[in-house]
């Protein structure tokens, strides 16, 4: 398990002040999927993109630039 995987998604999410449940509401993933992604477990590309889309929704609302999938540093299967 890589520490960078844990840090990037969780840091971005908490920096936006959103919960895992907020990501779930904006995507078609479960809380477990978000939690697993945050600890470095493998997620499918589809799920990773859904998480990314949710994060970017909240970044746009906060008037922040969108990020890429690489920025989340997820372990994509």
Protein backbone atom coordinates (compact mmCIF):
# COMPACT_ATOMS: atom_id res chain seq x y z
CA UNK A 1 0.00 0.00 0.00
CA UNK A 2 1.42 3.38 -0.98
CA UNK A 3 1.07 6.32 1.39
CA UNK A 4 0.71 8.69 -1.56
CA UNK A 5 -2.50 6.91 -2.56
CA UNK A 6 -3.95 7.45 0.88
CA UNK A 7 -2.89 11.06 1.05
CA UNK A 8 -3.92 12.42 -2.35
CA UNK A 9 -7.61 11.50 -2.52
CA UNK A 10 -8.27 12.00 1.19
CA UNK A 11 -6.33 15.26 1.27
CA UNK A 12 -8.18 16.62 -1.75
CA UNK A 13 -11.54 15.50 -0.37
CA UNK A 14 -10.97 16.93 3.10
CA UNK A 15 -9.48 20.09 1.61
CA UNK A 16 -12.79 20.63 -0.14
CA UNK A 17 -14.62 20.01 3.12
CA UNK A 18 -16.63 17.14 1.69
CA UNK A 19 -17.37 13.69 3.07
CA UNK A 20 -17.21 10.31 1.44
CA UNK A 21 -21.01 10.44 1.39
CA UNK A 22 -20.86 13.65 -0.67
CA UNK A 23 -18.86 11.78 -3.31
CA UNK A 24 -21.39 8.95 -3.23
CA UNK A 25 -24.25 11.41 -3.82
CA UNK A 26 -22.52 12.79 -6.94
CA UNK A 27 -21.50 9.43 -8.40
CA UNK A 28 -22.46 5.80 -8.75
CA UNK A 29 -19.98 4.43 -6.22
CA UNK A 30 -20.41 3.20 -2.67
CA UNK A 31 -18.90 4.61 0.49
CA UNK A 32 -16.83 1.43 0.65
CA UNK A 33 -15.40 2.11 -2.79
CA UNK A 34 -14.34 5.62 -1.77
CA UNK A 35 -12.87 4.33 1.50
CA UNK A 36 -10.99 1.59 -0.34
CA UNK A 37 -9.68 4.05 -2.92
CA UNK A 38 -8.43 6.27 -0.10
CA UNK A 39 -6.40 3.47 1.45
CA UNK A 40 -4.85 2.43 -1.85
CA UNK A 41 -6.99 -0.56 -2.79
CA UNK A 42 -7.51 -1.12 -6.48
CA UNK A 43 -10.55 0.42 -8.11
CA UNK A 44 -11.78 0.02 -11.66
CA UNK A 45 -11.13 2.82 -14.11
CA UNK A 46 -14.87 3.43 -14.29
CA UNK A 47 -15.15 3.89 -10.52
CA UNK A 48 -12.03 6.06 -10.48
CA UNK A 49 -13.52 8.33 -13.14
CA UNK A 50 -16.78 8.55 -11.19
CA UNK A 51 -14.88 9.62 -8.09
CA UNK A 52 -12.91 12.13 -10.17
CA UNK A 53 -16.10 13.59 -11.67
CA UNK A 54 -17.58 14.03 -8.19
CA UNK A 55 -14.39 15.69 -6.90
CA UNK A 56 -14.32 18.03 -9.89
CA UNK A 57 -17.98 18.94 -9.33
CA UNK A 58 -17.11 20.16 -5.84
CA UNK A 59 -13.93 21.86 -7.07
CA UNK A 60 -15.97 23.81 -9.63
CA UNK A 61 -18.41 24.82 -6.89
CA UNK A 62 -15.46 26.05 -4.82
CA UNK A 63 -14.15 27.90 -7.89
CA UNK A 64 -11.04 25.72 -8.01
CA UNK A 65 -9.43 24.29 -11.11
CA UNK A 66 -10.37 20.77 -12.07
CA UNK A 67 -7.86 18.01 -11.50
CA UNK A 68 -6.95 14.90 -13.48
CA UNK A 69 -7.17 11.25 -12.60
CA UNK A 70 -3.39 11.25 -12.12
CA UNK A 71 -3.76 13.91 -9.42
CA UNK A 72 -5.88 11.53 -7.31
CA UNK A 73 -3.10 8.92 -7.47
CA UNK A 74 -5.59 6.06 -7.30
CA UNK A 75 -4.60 2.43 -7.74
CA UNK A 76 -6.58 1.88 -10.95
CA UNK A 77 -7.16 -1.66 -12.17
